[in-house]
C-alpha atoms as a PDB file:
ATOM      1  CA  MET A   1       4.377  -4.036 -13.782  1.00  0.00           C
ATOM      2  CA  THR A   2       3.813  -0.799 -11.950  1.00  0.00           C
ATOM      3  CA  ALA A   3       0.433  -0.578 -10.297  1.00  0.00           C
ATOM      4  CA  HIS A   4      -1.487   1.891  -8.242  1.00  0.00           C
ATOM      5  CA  GLY A   5      -4.054   1.771  -5.489  1.00  0.00           C
ATOM      6  CA  SER A   6      -7.537   3.113  -5.337  1.00  0.00           C
ATOM      7  CA  GLY A   7      -8.581   6.665  -6.071  1.00  0.00           C
ATOM      8  CA  THR A   8      -9.770   9.426  -3.776  1.00  0.00           C
ATOM      9  CA  GLY A   9     -10.753  12.259  -6.103  1.00  0.00           C
ATOM     10  CA  THR A  10     -13.965  14.231  -6.506  1.00  0.00           C
ATOM     11  CA  ARG A  11     -14.693  12.587  -9.891  1.00  0.00           C
ATOM     12  CA  HIS A  12     -15.389   8.888  -9.618  1.00  0.00           C
ATOM     13  CA  PRO A  13     -13.090   7.185 -12.135  1.00  0.00           C
ATOM     14  CA  GLU A  14     -14.236   4.480 -14.507  1.00  0.00           C
ATOM     15  CA  VAL A  15     -13.726   0.949 -13.230  1.00  0.00           C
ATOM     16  CA  GLU A  16     -13.706  -2.320 -15.163  1.00  0.00           C
ATOM     17  CA  LEU A  17     -12.603  -5.916 -14.798  1.00  0.00           C
ATOM     18  CA  MET A  18     -10.335  -7.875 -17.125  1.00  0.00           C
ATOM     19  CA  ARG A  19      -9.614 -11.582 -16.822  1.00  0.00           C
ATOM     20  CA  ASP A  20      -5.983 -12.556 -16.309  1.00  0.00           C
ATOM     21  CA  ALA A  21      -5.229 -15.090 -19.033  1.00  0.00           C
ATOM     22  CA  ASP A  22      -2.301 -16.521 -17.061  1.00  0.00           C
ATOM     23  CA  ARG A  23      -4.441 -17.765 -14.157  1.00  0.00           C
ATOM     24  CA  PRO A  24      -7.875 -19.390 -14.560  1.00  0.00           C
ATOM     25  CA  ASP A  25      -9.751 -17.606 -11.751  1.00  0.00           C
ATOM     26  CA  SER A  26      -7.863 -14.307 -11.647  1.00  0.00           C
ATOM     27  CA  TRP A  27      -8.951 -10.788 -12.478  1.00  0.00           C
ATOM     28  CA  LEU A  28      -7.418  -7.364 -12.950  1.00  0.00           C
ATOM     29  CA  LEU A  29      -9.320  -4.340 -11.698  1.00  0.00           C
ATOM     30  CA  LEU A  30      -8.690  -1.300 -13.920  1.00  0.00           C
ATOM     31  CA  VAL A  31      -9.373   2.267 -12.813  1.00  0.00           C
ATOM     32  CA  ASP A  32      -9.437   4.732 -15.718  1.00  0.00           C
ATOM     33  CA  GLY A  33      -7.473   2.129 -17.654  1.00  0.00           C
ATOM     34  CA  THR A  34      -4.767   1.839 -14.983  1.00  0.00           C
ATOM     35  CA  PRO A  35      -4.148  -1.614 -13.436  1.00  0.00           C
ATOM     36  CA  GLN A  36      -5.200  -1.141  -9.818  1.00  0.00           C
ATOM     37  CA  SER A  37      -5.658  -4.593  -8.287  1.00  0.00           C
ATOM     38  CA  HIS A  38      -5.153  -8.255  -9.077  1.00  0.00           C
ATOM     39  CA  VAL A  39      -7.075 -11.015  -7.315  1.00  0.00           C
ATOM     40  CA  ASP A  40      -7.199 -14.783  -7.646  1.00  0.00           C
ATOM     41  CA  LEU A  41     -10.604 -15.826  -6.349  1.00  0.00           C
ATOM     42  CA  SER A  42      -9.558 -19.456  -5.934  1.00  0.00           C
ATOM     43  CA  ASP A  43      -6.274 -18.589  -4.181  1.00  0.00           C
ATOM     44  CA  PRO A  44      -6.553 -15.382  -2.108  1.00  0.00           C
ATOM     45  CA  ALA A  45      -3.058 -15.953  -0.718  1.00  0.00           C
ATOM     46  CA  TYR A  46      -1.601 -15.402  -4.203  1.00  0.00           C
ATOM     47  CA  LEU A  47      -0.170 -11.900  -4.684  1.00  0.00           C
ATOM     48  CA  ASP A  48       0.662 -10.859  -8.238  1.00  0.00           C
ATOM     49  CA  PHE A  49       1.839  -7.244  -8.138  1.00  0.00           C
ATOM     50  CA  GLU A  50       5.422  -6.813  -6.968  1.00  0.00           C
ATOM     51  CA  TYR A  51       4.700  -4.059  -4.462  1.00  0.00           C
ATOM     52  CA  VAL A  52       1.779  -6.010  -2.993  1.00  0.00           C
ATOM     53  CA  GLN A  53       4.099  -8.978  -2.434  1.00  0.00           C
ATOM     54  CA  ARG A  54       6.417  -6.663  -0.486  1.00  0.00           C
ATOM     55  CA  ILE A  55       3.616  -5.324   1.663  1.00  0.00           C
ATOM     56  CA  GLY A  56       2.573  -8.951   2.137  1.00  0.00           C
ATOM     57  CA  HIS A  57       5.990  -9.667   3.638  1.00  0.00           C
ATOM     58  CA  ALA A  58       5.496  -6.849   6.130  1.00  0.00           C
ATOM     59  CA  VAL A  59       2.062  -8.219   7.035  1.00  0.00           C
ATOM     60  CA  ASP A  60       3.504 -11.717   7.477  1.00  0.00           C
ATOM     61  CA  LEU A  61       6.090 -10.365   9.918  1.00  0.00           C
ATOM     62  CA  ALA A  62       3.785  -8.022  11.819  1.00  0.00           C
ATOM     63  CA  ALA A  63       2.755 -10.813  14.198  1.00  0.00           C
ATOM     64  CA  PRO A  64       3.458 -14.535  14.697  1.00  0.00           C
ATOM     65  CA  SER A  65       2.318 -16.698  11.797  1.00  0.00           C
ATOM     66  CA  GLY A  66      -1.443 -17.269  11.728  1.00  0.00           C
ATOM     67  CA  GLU A  67      -2.156 -14.874  14.604  1.00  0.00           C
ATOM     68  CA  ARG A  68      -5.129 -12.564  14.208  1.00  0.00           C
ATOM     69  CA  ILE A  69      -4.429  -8.910  13.522  1.00  0.00           C
ATOM     70  CA  ARG A  70      -6.437  -5.710  13.124  1.00  0.00           C
ATOM     71  CA  ALA A  71      -5.852  -4.148   9.712  1.00  0.00           C
ATOM     72  CA  LEU A  72      -7.017  -0.933   8.079  1.00  0.00           C
ATOM     73  CA  HIS A  73      -6.843  -0.533   4.303  1.00  0.00           C
ATOM     74  CA  LEU A  74      -6.849   3.006   2.915  1.00  0.00           C
ATOM     75  CA  GLY A  75      -7.847   2.420  -0.687  1.00  0.00           C
ATOM     76  CA  ALA A  76     -10.048  -0.656  -0.900  1.00  0.00           C
ATOM     77  CA  GLY A  77      -9.542  -1.587  -4.521  1.00  0.00           C
ATOM     78  CA  ALA A  78     -10.304  -5.256  -5.097  1.00  0.00           C
ATOM     79  CA  LEU A  79      -9.303  -5.974  -1.467  1.00  0.00           C
ATOM     80  CA  THR A  80      -6.269  -8.018  -2.493  1.00  0.00           C
ATOM     81  CA  LEU A  81      -4.393  -7.633   0.784  1.00  0.00           C
ATOM     82  CA  ALA A  82      -7.541  -7.911   2.868  1.00  0.00           C
ATOM     83  CA  ARG A  83      -8.264 -11.275   1.220  1.00  0.00           C
ATOM     84  CA  TYR A  84      -4.651 -12.299   1.807  1.00  0.00           C
ATOM     85  CA  ILE A  85      -4.855 -11.467   5.504  1.00  0.00           C
ATOM     86  CA  ALA A  86      -8.197 -13.253   5.858  1.00  0.00           C
ATOM     87  CA  ALA A  87      -6.675 -16.375   4.253  1.00  0.00           C
ATOM     88  CA  THR A  88      -3.375 -16.368   6.136  1.00  0.00           C
ATOM     89  CA  ARG A  89      -4.634 -14.963   9.438  1.00  0.00           C
ATOM     90  CA  PRO A  90      -8.217 -16.250   9.862  1.00  0.00           C
ATOM     91  CA  GLY A  91     -10.345 -14.242  12.253  1.00  0.00           C
ATOM     92  CA  SER A  92      -8.481 -10.990  11.664  1.00  0.00           C
ATOM     93  CA  ARG A  93     -10.580  -7.827  12.047  1.00  0.00           C
ATOM     94  CA  GLN A  94     -10.295  -5.700   8.920  1.00  0.00           C
ATOM     95  CA  ARG A  95     -11.780  -2.433   7.737  1.00  0.00           C
ATOM     96  CA  ALA A  96     -11.301  -0.774   4.330  1.00  0.00           C
ATOM     97  CA  VAL A  97     -12.311   2.513   2.754  1.00  0.00           C
ATOM     98  CA  ASP A  98     -12.603   3.808  -0.796  1.00  0.00           C
ATOM     99  CA  ASP A  99     -14.251   6.947  -2.094  1.00  0.00           C
ATOM    100  CA  ASN A 100     -15.593   5.292  -5.260  1.00  0.00           C
ATOM    101  CA  PRO A 101     -18.967   3.630  -4.605  1.00  0.00           C
ATOM    102  CA  ARG A 102     -19.063   2.155  -8.117  1.00  0.00           C
ATOM    103  CA  LEU A 103     -15.759   0.372  -7.489  1.00  0.00           C
ATOM    104  CA  ILE A 104     -16.995  -1.086  -4.212  1.00  0.00           C
ATOM    105  CA  GLU A 105     -20.258  -2.176  -5.829  1.00  0.00           C
ATOM    106  CA  LEU A 106     -18.412  -3.875  -8.695  1.00  0.00           C
ATOM    107  CA  VAL A 107     -16.091  -5.724  -6.326  1.00  0.00           C
ATOM    108  CA  ARG A 108     -18.987  -6.862  -4.118  1.00  0.00           C
ATOM    109  CA  GLU A 109     -20.932  -8.172  -7.109  1.00  0.00           C
ATOM    110  CA  SER A 110     -18.204  -9.637  -9.326  1.00  0.00           C
ATOM    111  CA  LEU A 111     -15.279 -10.397  -6.987  1.00  0.00           C
ATOM    112  CA  PRO A 112     -16.994 -11.579  -3.794  1.00  0.00           C
ATOM    113  CA  TRP A 113     -14.822 -12.330  -0.799  1.00  0.00           C
ATOM    114  CA  ASP A 114     -15.303 -14.931   1.897  1.00  0.00           C
ATOM    115  CA  ARG A 115     -18.258 -13.669   3.931  1.00  0.00           C
ATOM    116  CA  ARG A 116     -16.910 -15.441   6.994  1.00  0.00           C
ATOM    117  CA  ALA A 117     -14.116 -12.884   7.096  1.00  0.00           C
ATOM    118  CA  ASP A 118     -14.486 -10.010   9.559  1.00  0.00           C
ATOM    119  CA  LEU A 119     -14.123  -7.454   6.772  1.00  0.00           C
ATOM    120  CA  ARG A 120     -16.176  -4.288   6.294  1.00  0.00           C
ATOM    121  CA  VAL A 121     -15.818  -1.808   3.471  1.00  0.00           C
ATOM    122  CA  ALA A 122     -16.883   1.838   3.712  1.00  0.00           C
ATOM    123  CA  VAL A 123     -17.299   4.633   1.188  1.00  0.00           C
ATOM    124  CA  GLY A 124     -15.442   7.784   2.164  1.00  0.00           C
ATOM    125  CA  ASP A 125     -12.354   9.950   2.033  1.00  0.00           C
ATOM    126  CA  ALA A 126      -9.359   7.986   3.314  1.00  0.00           C
ATOM    127  CA  ARG A 127      -7.834  10.660   5.527  1.00  0.00           C
ATOM    128  CA  THR A 128     -11.137  11.754   7.021  1.00  0.00           C
ATOM    129  CA  TRP A 129     -12.070   8.129   7.657  1.00  0.00           C
ATOM    130  CA  LEU A 130      -8.720   7.523   9.360  1.00  0.00           C
ATOM    131  CA  THR A 131      -9.233  10.427  11.751  1.00  0.00           C
ATOM    132  CA  GLU A 132     -12.456   8.751  12.908  1.00  0.00           C
ATOM    133  CA  ARG A 133     -10.689   5.546  14.008  1.00  0.00           C
ATOM    134  CA  ARG A 134      -9.943   4.974  17.677  1.00  0.00           C
ATOM    135  CA  ALA A 135      -6.405   5.386  18.989  1.00  0.00           C
ATOM    136  CA  GLY A 136      -4.513   2.110  19.193  1.00  0.00           C
ATOM    137  CA  SER A 137      -7.167   0.247  17.197  1.00  0.00           C
ATOM    138  CA  ALA A 138      -4.990  -1.222  14.412  1.00  0.00           C
ATOM    139  CA  ASP A 139      -1.918  -3.422  14.120  1.00  0.00           C
ATOM    140  CA  VAL A 140      -1.374  -2.708  10.421  1.00  0.00           C
ATOM    141  CA  ILE A 141      -2.365   0.242   8.241  1.00  0.00           C
ATOM    142  CA  VAL A 142      -1.914   0.007   4.476  1.00  0.00           C
ATOM    143  CA  SER A 143      -1.993   3.315   2.591  1.00  0.00           C
ATOM    144  CA  ASP A 144      -2.513   2.570  -1.098  1.00  0.00           C
ATOM    145  CA  VAL A 145      -4.593   5.488  -2.317  1.00  0.00           C
ATOM    146  CA  PHE A 146      -4.301   7.033  -5.758  1.00  0.00           C
ATOM    147  CA  ALA A 147      -6.370   9.553  -7.701  1.00  0.00           C
ATOM    148  CA  GLY A 148      -5.779   8.331 -11.226  1.00  0.00           C
ATOM    149  CA  ALA A 149      -2.109   7.388 -11.057  1.00  0.00           C
ATOM    150  CA  GLN A 150      -1.027   9.865  -8.366  1.00  0.00           C
ATOM    151  CA  THR A 151      -1.140   9.839  -4.572  1.00  0.00           C
ATOM    152  CA  PRO A 152      -3.224  12.784  -3.322  1.00  0.00           C
ATOM    153  CA  ALA A 153      -1.226  15.371  -1.406  1.00  0.00           C
ATOM    154  CA  ALA A 154      -3.324  14.885   1.735  1.00  0.00           C
ATOM    155  CA  LEU A 155      -1.888  11.382   2.143  1.00  0.00           C
ATOM    156  CA  THR A 156       1.777  12.365   1.884  1.00  0.00           C
ATOM    157  CA  SER A 157       2.325  14.587   4.930  1.00  0.00           C
ATOM    158  CA  VAL A 158       3.722  14.371   8.437  1.00  0.00           C
ATOM    159  CA  GLU A 159       0.248  15.190   9.733  1.00  0.00           C
ATOM    160  CA  PHE A 160      -1.279  12.267   7.823  1.00  0.00           C
ATOM    161  CA  PHE A 161       1.293   9.743   9.031  1.00  0.00           C
ATOM    162  CA  ALA A 162       1.038  11.115  12.580  1.00  0.00           C
ATOM    163  CA  GLU A 163      -2.665  10.289  12.413  1.00  0.00           C
ATOM    164  CA  ALA A 164      -1.804   6.774  11.234  1.00  0.00           C
ATOM    165  CA  ASP A 165       0.611   6.460  14.161  1.00  0.00           C
ATOM    166  CA  ARG A 166      -2.139   7.526  16.563  1.00  0.00           C
ATOM    167  CA  VAL A 167      -4.454   4.815  15.255  1.00  0.00           C
ATOM    168  CA  LEU A 168      -1.769   2.119  15.368  1.00  0.00           C
ATOM    169  CA  ASP A 169      -1.286   0.096  18.514  1.00  0.00           C
ATOM    170  CA  ALA A 170       2.161   0.171  20.119  1.00  0.00           C
ATOM    171  CA  GLY A 171       4.531  -1.510  17.694  1.00  0.00           C
ATOM    172  CA  GLY A 172       2.042  -1.423  14.817  1.00  0.00           C
ATOM    173  CA  VAL A 173       3.220  -1.065  11.213  1.00  0.00           C
ATOM    174  CA  CYS A 174       2.230   1.496   8.587  1.00  0.00           C
ATOM    175  CA  ALA A 175       2.881   0.478   4.969  1.00  0.00           C
ATOM    176  CA  ALA A 176       2.636   3.005   2.135  1.00  0.00           C
ATOM    177  CA  ASN A 177       2.764   2.445  -1.614  1.00  0.00           C
ATOM    178  CA  VAL A 178       4.726   5.305  -3.226  1.00  0.00           C
ATOM    179  CA  GLY A 179       5.163   5.851  -6.962  1.00  0.00           C
ATOM    180  CA  ASP A 180       8.167   7.754  -8.290  1.00  0.00           C
ATOM    181  CA  GLY A 181      10.896   7.786 -10.931  1.00  0.00           C
ATOM    182  CA  ARG A 182      13.934   9.571 -12.371  1.00  0.00           C
ATOM    183  CA  ARG A 183      15.331  11.928  -9.699  1.00  0.00           C
ATOM    184  CA  LEU A 184      13.326  10.235  -6.907  1.00  0.00           C
ATOM    185  CA  ARG A 185      12.635  13.512  -5.140  1.00  0.00           C
ATOM    186  CA  HIS A 186       9.152  12.465  -4.079  1.00  0.00           C
ATOM    187  CA  VAL A 187      10.078   9.125  -2.530  1.00  0.00           C
ATOM    188  CA  ARG A 188      13.065  10.650  -0.753  1.00  0.00           C
ATOM    189  CA  ALA A 189      10.771  13.267   0.762  1.00  0.00           C
ATOM    190  CA  GLN A 190       8.286  10.539   1.693  1.00  0.00           C
ATOM    191  CA  ALA A 191      11.009   8.545   3.430  1.00  0.00           C
ATOM    192  CA  ALA A 192      11.981  11.685   5.366  1.00  0.00           C
ATOM    193  CA  THR A 193       8.312  12.259   6.212  1.00  0.00           C
ATOM    194  CA  LEU A 194       7.838   8.780   7.696  1.00  0.00           C
ATOM    195  CA  ALA A 195      11.121   9.137   9.590  1.00  0.00           C
ATOM    196  CA  ALA A 196       9.773  12.321  11.184  1.00  0.00           C
ATOM    197  CA  VAL A 197       6.893  10.290  12.653  1.00  0.00           C
ATOM    198  CA  PHE A 198       8.184   6.746  13.173  1.00  0.00           C
ATOM    199  CA  ALA A 199      11.273   5.683  15.069  1.00  0.00           C
ATOM    200  CA  HIS A 200      12.016   2.963  12.511  1.00  0.00           C
ATOM    201  CA  THR A 201      11.579   3.098   8.739  1.00  0.00           C
ATOM    202  CA  VAL A 202      12.363   0.776   5.841  1.00  0.00           C
ATOM    203  CA  LEU A 203      12.198   1.257   2.076  1.00  0.00           C
ATOM    204  CA  ILE A 204      11.745  -1.640  -0.368  1.00  0.00           C
ATOM    205  CA  ALA A 205      11.993  -1.427  -4.164  1.00  0.00           C
ATOM    206  CA  ALA A 206      13.486  -3.062  -7.244  1.00  0.00           C
ATOM    207  CA  PRO A 207      17.129  -2.104  -7.925  1.00  0.00           C
ATOM    208  CA  GLY A 208      16.321  -0.360 -11.215  1.00  0.00           C
ATOM    209  CA  VAL A 209      13.565   1.670  -9.582  1.00  0.00           C
ATOM    210  CA  LEU A 210      15.867   2.612  -6.699  1.00  0.00           C
ATOM    211  CA  ARG A 211      18.390   3.964  -9.221  1.00  0.00           C
ATOM    212  CA  GLY A 212      15.745   6.031 -10.978  1.00  0.00           C
ATOM    213  CA  ARG A 213      16.122   4.070 -14.202  1.00  0.00           C
ATOM    214  CA  ARG A 214      12.383   3.537 -14.461  1.00  0.00           C
ATOM    215  CA  PHE A 215       9.227   4.691 -12.763  1.00  0.00           C
ATOM    216  CA  GLY A 216       7.946   2.201 -10.222  1.00  0.00           C
ATOM    217  CA  ASN A 217       6.565   1.353  -6.824  1.00  0.00           C
ATOM    218  CA  PHE A 218       8.355   1.876  -3.532  1.00  0.00           C
ATOM    219  CA  VAL A 219       7.056   0.360  -0.313  1.00  0.00           C
ATOM    220  CA  LEU A 220       7.723   2.428   2.791  1.00  0.00           C
ATOM    221  CA  LEU A 221       7.270   0.893   6.235  1.00  0.00           C
ATOM    222  CA  GLY A 222       7.127   2.818   9.492  1.00  0.00           C
ATOM    223  CA  SER A 223       6.857   1.633  13.079  1.00  0.00           C
ATOM    224  CA  GLN A 224       7.742   2.695  16.601  1.00  0.00           C
ATOM    225  CA  ARG A 225       9.375  -0.695  17.135  1.00  0.00           C
ATOM    226  CA  PRO A 226      12.376  -2.123  15.243  1.00  0.00           C
ATOM    227  CA  LEU A 227      11.331  -3.635  11.930  1.00  0.00           C
ATOM    228  CA  PRO A 228      12.551  -7.123  10.905  1.00  0.00           C
ATOM    229  CA  GLU A 229      15.062  -5.805   8.374  1.00  0.00           C
ATOM    230  CA  ASP A 230      17.027  -9.040   7.934  1.00  0.00           C
ATOM    231  CA  GLU A 231      13.960 -11.183   7.257  1.00  0.00           C
ATOM    232  CA  LEU A 232      12.446  -8.535   4.981  1.00  0.00           C
ATOM    233  CA  THR A 233      15.717  -8.546   3.038  1.00  0.00           C
ATOM    234  CA  ARG A 234      15.747 -12.336   2.711  1.00  0.00           C
ATOM    235  CA  ARG A 235      12.175 -12.381   1.461  1.00  0.00           C
ATOM    236  CA  ALA A 236      12.727  -9.503  -0.947  1.00  0.00           C
ATOM    237  CA  HIS A 237      15.744 -11.301  -2.430  1.00  0.00           C
ATOM    238  CA  ARG A 238      13.713 -14.465  -2.932  1.00  0.00           C
ATOM    239  CA  ASP A 239      10.859 -12.703  -4.733  1.00  0.00           C
ATOM    240  CA  PRO A 240      10.406 -13.457  -8.462  1.00  0.00           C
ATOM    241  CA  ASP A 241      11.296  -9.786  -9.037  1.00  0.00           C
ATOM    242  CA  MET A 242      14.112  -9.274  -6.565  1.00  0.00           C
ATOM    243  CA  ALA A 243      13.985  -6.120  -4.461  1.00  0.00           C
ATOM    244  CA  ARG A 244      16.390  -4.271  -2.187  1.00  0.00           C
ATOM    245  CA  VAL A 245      15.681  -3.217   1.383  1.00  0.00           C
ATOM    246  CA  LEU A 246      17.097   0.084   2.633  1.00  0.00           C
ATOM    247  CA  ALA A 247      17.240   0.876   6.337  1.00  0.00           C
ATOM    248  CA  GLY A 248      19.416   2.671   8.881  1.00  0.00           C
ATOM    249  CA  GLU A 249      22.402   4.563   7.494  1.00  0.00           C
ATOM    250  CA  VAL A 250      21.812   3.226   3.983  1.00  0.00           C
ATOM    251  CA  LEU A 251      18.313   4.717   3.943  1.00  0.00           C
ATOM    252  CA  GLU A 252      19.623   7.964   5.428  1.00  0.00           C
ATOM    253  CA  ARG A 253      22.090   8.262   2.532  1.00  0.00           C
ATOM    254  CA  PHE A 254      19.292   7.570   0.058  1.00  0.00           C
ATOM    255  CA  VAL A 255      17.167  10.342   1.602  1.00  0.00           C
ATOM    256  CA  ALA A 256      20.163  12.671   1.125  1.00  0.00           C
ATOM    257  CA  GLY A 257      18.867  15.590   3.171  1.00  0.00           C
ATOM    258  CA  ALA A 258      15.302  15.631   1.831  1.00  0.00           C
ATOM    259  CA  ALA A 259      12.933  17.477   4.155  1.00  0.00           C
ATOM    260  CA  PRO A 260       9.735  16.040   5.628  1.00  0.00           C
ATOM    261  CA  VAL A 261       6.523  17.132   3.908  1.00  0.00           C
ATOM    262  CA  HIS A 262       3.854  19.010   5.873  1.00  0.00           C
ATOM    263  CA  ASP A 263       0.257  19.692   4.880  1.00  0.00           C
ATOM    264  CA  ALA A 264       0.935  23.297   3.900  1.00  0.00           C
ATOM    265  CA  ALA A 265       3.449  22.279   1.222  1.00  0.00           C
ATOM    266  CA  ALA A 266       2.205  18.814   0.285  1.00  0.00           C
ATOM    267  CA  LYS A 267       1.744  17.972  -3.409  1.00  0.00           C
ATOM    268  CA  ASP A 268       0.349  15.024  -5.320  1.00  0.00           C
ATOM    269  CA  SER A 269       2.937  12.413  -6.256  1.00  0.00           C
ATOM    270  CA  PRO A 270       4.461  12.730  -9.738  1.00  0.00           C
ATOM    271  CA  ALA A 271       2.497  11.388 -12.682  1.00  0.00           C
ATOM    272  CA  PRO A 272       4.029   8.292 -14.289  1.00  0.00           C
ATOM    273  CA  PRO A 273       4.979   8.110 -17.976  1.00  0.00           C
ATOM    274  CA  ASP A 274       2.155   7.093 -20.303  1.00  0.00           C
ATOM    275  CA  ASP A 275       3.717   3.697 -21.097  1.00  0.00           C
ATOM    276  CA  VAL A 276       4.548   2.680 -17.526  1.00  0.00           C
ATOM    277  CA  PHE A 277       1.683   0.217 -17.184  1.00  0.00           C
ATOM    278  CA  ALA A 278       2.792  -2.104 -19.952  1.00  0.00           C
ATOM    279  CA  ARG A 279       2.768  -5.617 -18.571  1.00  0.00           C
END
């Protein structure tokens, strides 16, 4: 299943909840009919979407097991990863932002999270909100923002990721959910963009998605410290939907000369095919 994060457009999209018949206390959050988040209220450590599992691996390896971290979530959605961090790293300080007040209200009312968690959710534009964070104030930043089913151009540029790097503490990790398919021009440019900002980058995706055989989610990780490529690879191979991890020379060959994206030329990510969200 391909899924997308929360919107950041001028029109507030329609949001609704649908029960997941496969798990008794699980829900899907739909934004304009697009699956956006999955949460299991009785088991917040359960991650359903493939790309969220892969970001979860990066979160697991960002610090020693159980250690508190400071996390920022651009695109609040149903707070799937924030709940995961609160469950696996109790006491972590987390902040999230979404531009859709109706979505946040629905999640607060119908999908409540553990109020003991140090988690605050704001309404606002993700990039503007990020610029207001203090330098070195986060260990992990997750960028999972979509307007409809496309990433807004403002969250695809060197300038945007440089701002994320400013907010990250030394050695912090930025994780971005990127949607692309067919010729993979967008994700290649996004990989080049992160590499222009971070000393170390990793790309994780399903083999068929990496070959452009179907539209899907790519997870890009960037950090100024070496990323745990071997352990990420082991975890990705053990996932129910096996993924590949590209890094170093292999990732450079995948990028194949794509140029970094700057604000002046940034574009929204490509729109997925109409049938891509079939589960």
